[in-house]
Amino acid sequence: MNRLKEIIASGRTIRYAARLLLAGVIGLVLLGSLSVPAQAQPDPVDLELGGEGATGWSISNIMPGDSGSVPVTLRNVGSEDGFVT
């Protein structure tokens, strides 16, 4: 009878250890999937907006689906390369 109790206790211990290991793995996966906060570089890109579109636009009677375009000049006057989309 003692042997049976040992087997049952051993099974419980194994299940407990497996659950604990699974919780640890899930915790590590979740921790690894968190986003890292953005950090600015020491010399940021300095964009200068100039040309016709440099001032604010005041457009009236715009309806959903309307579109248009105004050319603007955008210059990087900083010391680092940049990418604009």
PDB file of N, CA and C in Angstrom:
ATOM      1  N   MET A   1       0.817  -1.189   0.000  1.00  0.00           N
ATOM      2  CA  MET A   1       0.000   0.000   0.000  1.00  0.00           C
ATOM      3  C   MET A   1       0.866   1.260   0.000  1.00  0.00           C
ATOM      4  N   ASN A   2       2.004   1.208   0.686  1.00  0.00           N
ATOM      5  CA  ASN A   2       2.902   2.358   0.698  1.00  0.00           C
ATOM      6  C   ASN A   2       3.422   2.665  -0.700  1.00  0.00           C
ATOM      7  N   ARG A   3       3.673   1.612  -1.461  1.00  0.00           N
ATOM      8  CA  ARG A   3       4.169   1.785  -2.835  1.00  0.00           C
ATOM      9  C   ARG A   3       3.134   2.533  -3.676  1.00  0.00           C
ATOM     10  N   LEU A   4       1.872   2.208  -3.514  1.00  0.00           N
ATOM     11  CA  LEU A   4       0.797   2.882  -4.241  1.00  0.00           C
ATOM     12  C   LEU A   4       0.736   4.364  -3.867  1.00  0.00           C
ATOM     13  N   LYS A   5       0.887   4.673  -2.585  1.00  0.00           N
ATOM     14  CA  LYS A   5       0.891   6.063  -2.145  1.00  0.00           C
ATOM     15  C   LYS A   5       2.076   6.822  -2.741  1.00  0.00           C
ATOM     16  N   GLU A   6       3.224   6.155  -2.830  1.00  0.00           N
ATOM     17  CA  GLU A   6       4.410   6.780  -3.422  1.00  0.00           C
ATOM     18  C   GLU A   6       4.184   7.084  -4.901  1.00  0.00           C
ATOM     19  N   ILE A   7       3.560   6.161  -5.600  1.00  0.00           N
ATOM     20  CA  ILE A   7       3.287   6.355  -7.032  1.00  0.00           C
ATOM     21  C   ILE A   7       2.314   7.507  -7.232  1.00  0.00           C
ATOM     22  N   ILE A   8       1.267   7.548  -6.411  1.00  0.00           N
ATOM     23  CA  ILE A   8       0.277   8.629  -6.519  1.00  0.00           C
ATOM     24  C   ILE A   8       0.925   9.969  -6.198  1.00  0.00           C
ATOM     25  N   ALA A   9       1.724  10.015  -5.132  1.00  0.00           N
ATOM     26  CA  ALA A   9       2.410  11.253  -4.753  1.00  0.00           C
ATOM     27  C   ALA A   9       3.396  11.666  -5.839  1.00  0.00           C
ATOM     28  N   SER A  10       4.069  10.699  -6.433  1.00  0.00           N
ATOM     29  CA  SER A  10       5.024  10.990  -7.500  1.00  0.00           C
ATOM     30  C   SER A  10       4.307  11.561  -8.717  1.00  0.00           C
ATOM     31  N   GLY A  11       3.137  11.014  -9.051  1.00  0.00           N
ATOM     32  CA  GLY A  11       2.352  11.526 -10.173  1.00  0.00           C
ATOM     33  C   GLY A  11       1.900  12.951  -9.935  1.00  0.00           C
ATOM     34  N   ARG A  12       1.495  13.243  -8.715  1.00  0.00           N
ATOM     35  CA  ARG A  12       1.087  14.608  -8.380  1.00  0.00           C
ATOM     36  C   ARG A  12       2.277  15.559  -8.486  1.00  0.00           C
ATOM     37  N   THR A  13       3.417  15.118  -8.019  1.00  0.00           N
ATOM     38  CA  THR A  13       4.621  15.950  -8.081  1.00  0.00           C
ATOM     39  C   THR A  13       5.006  16.230  -9.526  1.00  0.00           C
ATOM     40  N   ILE A  14       4.919  15.222 -10.366  1.00  0.00           N
ATOM     41  CA  ILE A  14       5.255  15.401 -11.782  1.00  0.00           C
ATOM     42  C   ILE A  14       4.275  16.363 -12.442  1.00  0.00           C
ATOM     43  N   ARG A  15       2.986  16.226 -12.154  1.00  0.00           N
ATOM     44  CA  ARG A  15       1.994  17.152 -12.720  1.00  0.00           C
ATOM     45  C   ARG A  15       2.243  18.575 -12.242  1.00  0.00           C
ATOM     46  N   TYR A  16       2.551  18.726 -10.953  1.00  0.00           N
ATOM     47  CA  TYR A  16       2.827  20.055 -10.405  1.00  0.00           C
ATOM     48  C   TYR A  16       4.056  20.663 -11.087  1.00  0.00           C
ATOM     49  N   ALA A  17       5.110  19.867 -11.236  1.00  0.00           N
ATOM     50  CA  ALA A  17       6.335  20.358 -11.877  1.00  0.00           C
ATOM     51  C   ALA A  17       6.077  20.713 -13.340  1.00  0.00           C
ATOM     52  N   ALA A  18       5.264  19.908 -14.027  1.00  0.00           N
ATOM     53  CA  ALA A  18       4.953  20.190 -15.430  1.00  0.00           C
ATOM     54  C   ALA A  18       4.159  21.484 -15.561  1.00  0.00           C
ATOM     55  N   ARG A  19       3.204  21.698 -14.669  1.00  0.00           N
ATOM     56  CA  ARG A  19       2.425  22.946 -14.696  1.00  0.00           C
ATOM     57  C   ARG A  19       3.310  24.148 -14.405  1.00  0.00           C
ATOM     58  N   LEU A  20       4.210  23.990 -13.438  1.00  0.00           N
ATOM     59  CA  LEU A  20       5.122  25.075 -13.096  1.00  0.00           C
ATOM     60  C   LEU A  20       6.051  25.393 -14.270  1.00  0.00           C
ATOM     61  N   LEU A  21       6.556  24.370 -14.925  1.00  0.00           N
ATOM     62  CA  LEU A  21       7.412  24.570 -16.091  1.00  0.00           C
ATOM     63  C   LEU A  21       6.639  25.239 -17.225  1.00  0.00           C
ATOM     64  N   LEU A  22       5.415  24.805 -17.466  1.00  0.00           N
ATOM     65  CA  LEU A  22       4.584  25.403 -18.510  1.00  0.00           C
ATOM     66  C   LEU A  22       4.307  26.874 -18.210  1.00  0.00           C
ATOM     67  N   ALA A  23       4.005  27.188 -16.956  1.00  0.00           N
ATOM     68  CA  ALA A  23       3.770  28.587 -16.578  1.00  0.00           C
ATOM     69  C   ALA A  23       5.029  29.419 -16.801  1.00  0.00           C
ATOM     70  N   GLY A  24       6.187  28.855 -16.495  1.00  0.00           N
ATOM     71  CA  GLY A  24       7.449  29.564 -16.727  1.00  0.00           C
ATOM     72  C   GLY A  24       7.700  29.813 -18.201  1.00  0.00           C
ATOM     73  N   VAL A  25       7.446  28.814 -19.034  1.00  0.00           N
ATOM     74  CA  VAL A  25       7.635  28.969 -20.481  1.00  0.00           C
ATOM     75  C   VAL A  25       6.680  30.023 -21.034  1.00  0.00           C
ATOM     76  N   ILE A  26       5.424  29.980 -20.634  1.00  0.00           N
ATOM     77  CA  ILE A  26       4.446  30.975 -21.092  1.00  0.00           C
ATOM     78  C   ILE A  26       4.872  32.369 -20.649  1.00  0.00           C
ATOM     79  N   GLY A  27       5.343  32.491 -19.404  1.00  0.00           N
ATOM     80  CA  GLY A  27       5.813  33.784 -18.912  1.00  0.00           C
ATOM     81  C   GLY A  27       6.978  34.315 -19.723  1.00  0.00           C
ATOM     82  N   LEU A  28       7.932  33.461 -20.061  1.00  0.00           N
ATOM     83  CA  LEU A  28       9.079  33.895 -20.864  1.00  0.00           C
ATOM     84  C   LEU A  28       8.661  34.307 -22.269  1.00  0.00           C
ATOM     85  N   VAL A  29       7.736  33.562 -22.865  1.00  0.00           N
ATOM     86  CA  VAL A  29       7.257  33.910 -24.205  1.00  0.00           C
ATOM     87  C   VAL A  29       6.548  35.258 -24.177  1.00  0.00           C
ATOM     88  N   LEU A  30       5.699  35.472 -23.186  1.00  0.00           N
ATOM     89  CA  LEU A  30       4.997  36.753 -23.082  1.00  0.00           C
ATOM     90  C   LEU A  30       5.965  37.899 -22.813  1.00  0.00           C
ATOM     91  N   LEU A  31       6.947  37.667 -21.978  1.00  0.00           N
ATOM     92  CA  LEU A  31       7.939  38.699 -21.683  1.00  0.00           C
ATOM     93  C   LEU A  31       8.744  39.047 -22.929  1.00  0.00           C
ATOM     94  N   GLY A  32       9.074  38.043 -23.721  1.00  0.00           N
ATOM     95  CA  GLY A  32       9.831  38.278 -24.945  1.00  0.00           C
ATOM     96  C   GLY A  32       9.028  38.954 -26.033  1.00  0.00           C
ATOM     97  N   SER A  33       7.705  38.895 -25.951  1.00  0.00           N
ATOM     98  CA  SER A  33       6.880  39.494 -26.998  1.00  0.00           C
ATOM     99  C   SER A  33       6.488  40.933 -26.689  1.00  0.00           C
ATOM    100  N   LEU A  34       6.851  41.445 -25.529  1.00  0.00           N
ATOM    101  CA  LEU A  34       6.539  42.836 -25.201  1.00  0.00           C
ATOM    102  C   LEU A  34       7.356  43.773 -26.078  1.00  0.00           C
ATOM    103  N   SER A  35       6.743  44.876 -26.476  1.00  0.00           N
ATOM    104  CA  SER A  35       7.455  45.825 -27.325  1.00  0.00           C
ATOM    105  C   SER A  35       8.440  46.636 -26.491  1.00  0.00           C
ATOM    106  N   VAL A  36       9.520  47.019 -27.138  1.00  0.00           N
ATOM    107  CA  VAL A  36      10.553  47.823 -26.496  1.00  0.00           C
ATOM    108  C   VAL A  36      10.253  49.281 -26.779  1.00  0.00           C
ATOM    109  N   PRO A  37      10.325  50.151 -25.775  1.00  0.00           N
ATOM    110  CA  PRO A  37      10.047  51.565 -26.027  1.00  0.00           C
ATOM    111  C   PRO A  37      11.049  52.164 -27.011  1.00  0.00           C
ATOM    112  N   ALA A  38      10.559  53.069 -27.837  1.00  0.00           N
ATOM    113  CA  ALA A  38      11.422  53.730 -28.819  1.00  0.00           C
ATOM    114  C   ALA A  38      12.382  54.670 -28.108  1.00  0.00           C
ATOM    115  N   GLN A  39      13.598  54.748 -28.632  1.00  0.00           N
ATOM    116  CA  GLN A  39      14.600  55.641 -28.067  1.00  0.00           C
ATOM    117  C   GLN A  39      15.141  56.522 -29.176  1.00  0.00           C
ATOM    118  N   ALA A  40      15.297  57.799 -28.879  1.00  0.00           N
ATOM    119  CA  ALA A  40      15.815  58.742 -29.869  1.00  0.00           C
ATOM    120  C   ALA A  40      17.328  58.609 -29.967  1.00  0.00           C
ATOM    121  N   GLN A  41      17.839  58.782 -31.169  1.00  0.00           N
ATOM    122  CA  GLN A  41      19.275  58.794 -31.382  1.00  0.00           C
ATOM    123  C   GLN A  41      19.828  60.134 -30.915  1.00  0.00           C
ATOM    124  N   PRO A  42      21.124  60.202 -30.616  1.00  0.00           N
ATOM    125  CA  PRO A  42      21.683  61.456 -30.129  1.00  0.00           C
ATOM    126  C   PRO A  42      21.565  62.611 -31.128  1.00  0.00           C
ATOM    127  N   ASP A  43      21.702  62.332 -32.421  1.00  0.00           N
ATOM    128  CA  ASP A  43      21.571  63.367 -33.453  1.00  0.00           C
ATOM    129  C   ASP A  43      20.335  63.061 -34.289  1.00  0.00           C
ATOM    130  N   PRO A  44      19.164  63.569 -33.900  1.00  0.00           N
ATOM    131  CA  PRO A  44      17.949  63.228 -34.644  1.00  0.00           C
ATOM    132  C   PRO A  44      17.930  63.860 -36.031  1.00  0.00           C
ATOM    133  N   VAL A  45      17.079  63.316 -36.865  1.00  0.00           N
ATOM    134  CA  VAL A  45      16.859  63.885 -38.191  1.00  0.00           C
ATOM    135  C   VAL A  45      16.086  65.185 -38.005  1.00  0.00           C
ATOM    136  N   ASP A  46      16.533  66.246 -38.661  1.00  0.00           N
ATOM    137  CA  ASP A  46      15.885  67.555 -38.556  1.00  0.00           C
ATOM    138  C   ASP A  46      15.246  67.858 -39.903  1.00  0.00           C
ATOM    139  N   LEU A  47      13.929  67.706 -39.998  1.00  0.00           N
ATOM    140  CA  LEU A  47      13.226  67.938 -41.253  1.00  0.00           C
ATOM    141  C   LEU A  47      12.691  69.359 -41.282  1.00  0.00           C
ATOM    142  N   GLU A  48      12.857  69.998 -42.425  1.00  0.00           N
ATOM    143  CA  GLU A  48      12.392  71.372 -42.605  1.00  0.00           C
ATOM    144  C   GLU A  48      11.398  71.389 -43.751  1.00  0.00           C
ATOM    145  N   LEU A  49      10.190  71.836 -43.474  1.00  0.00           N
ATOM    146  CA  LEU A  49       9.136  71.891 -44.477  1.00  0.00           C
ATOM    147  C   LEU A  49       9.132  73.271 -45.096  1.00  0.00           C
ATOM    148  N   GLY A  50       9.240  73.317 -46.409  1.00  0.00           N
ATOM    149  CA  GLY A  50       9.257  74.603 -47.094  1.00  0.00           C
ATOM    150  C   GLY A  50       8.451  74.535 -48.372  1.00  0.00           C
ATOM    151  N   GLY A  51       8.355  75.629 -49.068  1.00  0.00           N
ATOM    152  CA  GLY A  51       7.627  75.679 -50.326  1.00  0.00           C
ATOM    153  C   GLY A  51       6.183  76.078 -50.107  1.00  0.00           C
ATOM    154  N   GLU A  52       5.370  75.868 -51.137  1.00  0.00           N
ATOM    155  CA  GLU A  52       3.968  76.281 -51.120  1.00  0.00           C
ATOM    156  C   GLU A  52       3.186  75.637 -49.977  1.00  0.00           C
ATOM    157  N   GLY A  53       3.495  74.389 -49.634  1.00  0.00           N
ATOM    158  CA  GLY A  53       2.740  73.678 -48.612  1.00  0.00           C
ATOM    159  C   GLY A  53       3.246  73.891 -47.205  1.00  0.00           C
ATOM    160  N   ALA A  54       4.145  74.873 -47.010  1.00  0.00           N
ATOM    161  CA  ALA A  54       4.746  75.066 -45.694  1.00  0.00           C
ATOM    162  C   ALA A  54       3.772  75.657 -44.689  1.00  0.00           C
ATOM    163  N   THR A  55       2.760  76.316 -45.153  1.00  0.00           N
ATOM    164  CA  THR A  55       1.785  76.901 -44.232  1.00  0.00           C
ATOM    165  C   THR A  55       0.583  75.973 -44.116  1.00  0.00           C
ATOM    166  N   GLY A  56      -0.208  76.197 -43.115  1.00  0.00           N
ATOM    167  CA  GLY A  56      -1.393  75.366 -42.919  1.00  0.00           C
ATOM    168  C   GLY A  56      -2.387  75.545 -44.056  1.00  0.00           C
ATOM    169  N   TRP A  57      -3.119  74.495 -44.336  1.00  0.00           N
ATOM    170  CA  TRP A  57      -4.109  74.550 -45.401  1.00  0.00           C
ATOM    171  C   TRP A  57      -5.483  74.813 -44.801  1.00  0.00           C
ATOM    172  N   SER A  58      -6.242  75.652 -45.452  1.00  0.00           N
ATOM    173  CA  SER A  58      -7.624  75.882 -45.056  1.00  0.00           C
ATOM    174  C   SER A  58      -8.490  75.474 -46.237  1.00  0.00           C
ATOM    175  N   ILE A  59      -9.045  74.281 -46.159  1.00  0.00           N
ATOM    176  CA  ILE A  59      -9.825  73.736 -47.268  1.00  0.00           C
ATOM    177  C   ILE A  59     -11.248  73.518 -46.768  1.00  0.00           C
ATOM    178  N   SER A  60     -12.216  74.008 -47.526  1.00  0.00           N
ATOM    179  CA  SER A  60     -13.612  73.862 -47.105  1.00  0.00           C
ATOM    180  C   SER A  60     -14.359  72.934 -48.058  1.00  0.00           C
ATOM    181  N   ASN A  61     -15.539  72.550 -47.657  1.00  0.00           N
ATOM    182  CA  ASN A  61     -16.432  71.691 -48.447  1.00  0.00           C
ATOM    183  C   ASN A  61     -15.795  70.356 -48.814  1.00  0.00           C
ATOM    184  N   ILE A  62     -15.115  69.741 -47.881  1.00  0.00           N
ATOM    185  CA  ILE A  62     -14.510  68.432 -48.131  1.00  0.00           C
ATOM    186  C   ILE A  62     -15.518  67.364 -47.725  1.00  0.00           C
ATOM    187  N   MET A  63     -15.715  66.420 -48.600  1.00  0.00           N
ATOM    188  CA  MET A  63     -16.636  65.318 -48.354  1.00  0.00           C
ATOM    189  C   MET A  63     -15.835  64.018 -48.243  1.00  0.00           C
ATOM    190  N   PRO A  64     -16.387  63.015 -47.568  1.00  0.00           N
ATOM    191  CA  PRO A  64     -15.701  61.722 -47.501  1.00  0.00           C
ATOM    192  C   PRO A  64     -15.429  61.189 -48.907  1.00  0.00           C
ATOM    193  N   GLY A  65     -14.217  60.726 -49.123  1.00  0.00           N
ATOM    194  CA  GLY A  65     -13.822  60.200 -50.425  1.00  0.00           C
ATOM    195  C   GLY A  65     -13.139  61.227 -51.312  1.00  0.00           C
ATOM    196  N   ASP A  66     -13.244  62.530 -50.976  1.00  0.00           N
ATOM    197  CA  ASP A  66     -12.548  63.559 -51.749  1.00  0.00           C
ATOM    198  C   ASP A  66     -11.045  63.406 -51.546  1.00  0.00           C
ATOM    199  N   SER A  67     -10.292  63.815 -52.544  1.00  0.00           N
ATOM    200  CA  SER A  67      -8.832  63.779 -52.420  1.00  0.00           C
ATOM    201  C   SER A  67      -8.238  64.916 -53.233  1.00  0.00           C
ATOM    202  N   GLY A  68      -6.983  65.143 -53.025  1.00  0.00           N
ATOM    203  CA  GLY A  68      -6.264  66.178 -53.756  1.00  0.00           C
ATOM    204  C   GLY A  68      -4.799  66.101 -53.395  1.00  0.00           C
ATOM    205  N   SER A  69      -4.020  66.967 -53.992  1.00  0.00           N
ATOM    206  CA  SER A  69      -2.594  66.974 -53.676  1.00  0.00           C
ATOM    207  C   SER A  69      -2.037  68.380 -53.834  1.00  0.00           C
ATOM    208  N   VAL A  70      -1.042  68.675 -53.035  1.00  0.00           N
ATOM    209  CA  VAL A  70      -0.314  69.935 -53.101  1.00  0.00           C
ATOM    210  C   VAL A  70       1.158  69.582 -52.954  1.00  0.00           C
ATOM    211  N   PRO A  71       1.993  69.966 -53.906  1.00  0.00           N
ATOM    212  CA  PRO A  71       3.420  69.640 -53.778  1.00  0.00           C
ATOM    213  C   PRO A  71       4.063  70.458 -52.652  1.00  0.00           C
ATOM    214  N   VAL A  72       4.914  69.812 -51.890  1.00  0.00           N
ATOM    215  CA  VAL A  72       5.663  70.481 -50.827  1.00  0.00           C
ATOM    216  C   VAL A  72       7.136  70.101 -50.954  1.00  0.00           C
ATOM    217  N   THR A  73       7.990  70.915 -50.392  1.00  0.00           N
ATOM    218  CA  THR A  73       9.422  70.633 -50.371  1.00  0.00           C
ATOM    219  C   THR A  73       9.806  70.261 -48.945  1.00  0.00           C
ATOM    220  N   LEU A  74      10.420  69.107 -48.786  1.00  0.00           N
ATOM    221  CA  LEU A  74      10.843  68.634 -47.479  1.00  0.00           C
ATOM    222  C   LEU A  74      12.342  68.385 -47.540  1.00  0.00           C
ATOM    223  N   ARG A  75      13.100  69.091 -46.701  1.00  0.00           N
ATOM    224  CA  ARG A  75      14.559  68.960 -46.696  1.00  0.00           C
ATOM    225  C   ARG A  75      15.020  68.437 -45.339  1.00  0.00           C
ATOM    226  N   ASN A  76      16.040  67.607 -45.380  1.00  0.00           N
ATOM    227  CA  ASN A  76      16.692  67.143 -44.159  1.00  0.00           C
ATOM    228  C   ASN A  76      17.872  68.072 -43.905  1.00  0.00           C
ATOM    229  N   VAL A  77      17.726  68.962 -42.933  1.00  0.00           N
ATOM    230  CA  VAL A  77      18.803  69.902 -42.615  1.00  0.00           C
ATOM    231  C   VAL A  77      19.585  69.430 -41.392  1.00  0.00           C
ATOM    232  N   GLY A  78      19.352  68.197 -40.969  1.00  0.00           N
ATOM    233  CA  GLY A  78      20.075  67.635 -39.830  1.00  0.00           C
ATOM    234  C   GLY A  78      21.356  66.964 -40.272  1.00  0.00           C
ATOM    235  N   SER A  79      21.959  66.202 -39.368  1.00  0.00           N
ATOM    236  CA  SER A  79      23.234  65.545 -39.657  1.00  0.00           C
ATOM    237  C   SER A  79      23.090  64.039 -39.856  1.00  0.00           C
ATOM    238  N   GLU A  80      21.870  63.515 -39.787  1.00  0.00           N
ATOM    239  CA  GLU A  80      21.633  62.081 -39.941  1.00  0.00           C
ATOM    240  C   GLU A  80      20.750  61.813 -41.152  1.00  0.00           C
ATOM    241  N   ASP A  81      20.929  60.630 -41.753  1.00  0.00           N
ATOM    242  CA  ASP A  81      20.063  60.215 -42.851  1.00  0.00           C
ATOM    243  C   ASP A  81      18.666  59.938 -42.310  1.00  0.00           C
ATOM    244  N   GLY A  82      17.658  60.118 -43.162  1.00  0.00           N
ATOM    245  CA  GLY A  82      16.287  59.864 -42.747  1.00  0.00           C
ATOM    246  C   GLY A  82      15.509  59.198 -43.853  1.00  0.00           C
ATOM    247  N   PHE A  83      14.327  58.694 -43.507  1.00  0.00           N
ATOM    248  CA  PHE A  83      13.454  58.021 -44.459  1.00  0.00           C
ATOM    249  C   PHE A  83      12.034  58.474 -44.182  1.00  0.00           C
ATOM    250  N   VAL A  84      11.356  58.988 -45.188  1.00  0.00           N
ATOM    251  CA  VAL A  84       9.997  59.495 -45.033  1.00  0.00           C
ATOM    252  C   VAL A  84       9.079  58.699 -45.945  1.00  0.00           C
ATOM    253  N   THR A  85       7.939  58.260 -45.402  1.00  0.00           N
ATOM    254  CA  THR A  85       6.969  57.550 -46.239  1.00  0.00           C
ATOM    255  C   THR A  85       5.671  58.314 -46.243  1.00  0.00           C
TER     256      THR A  85
END
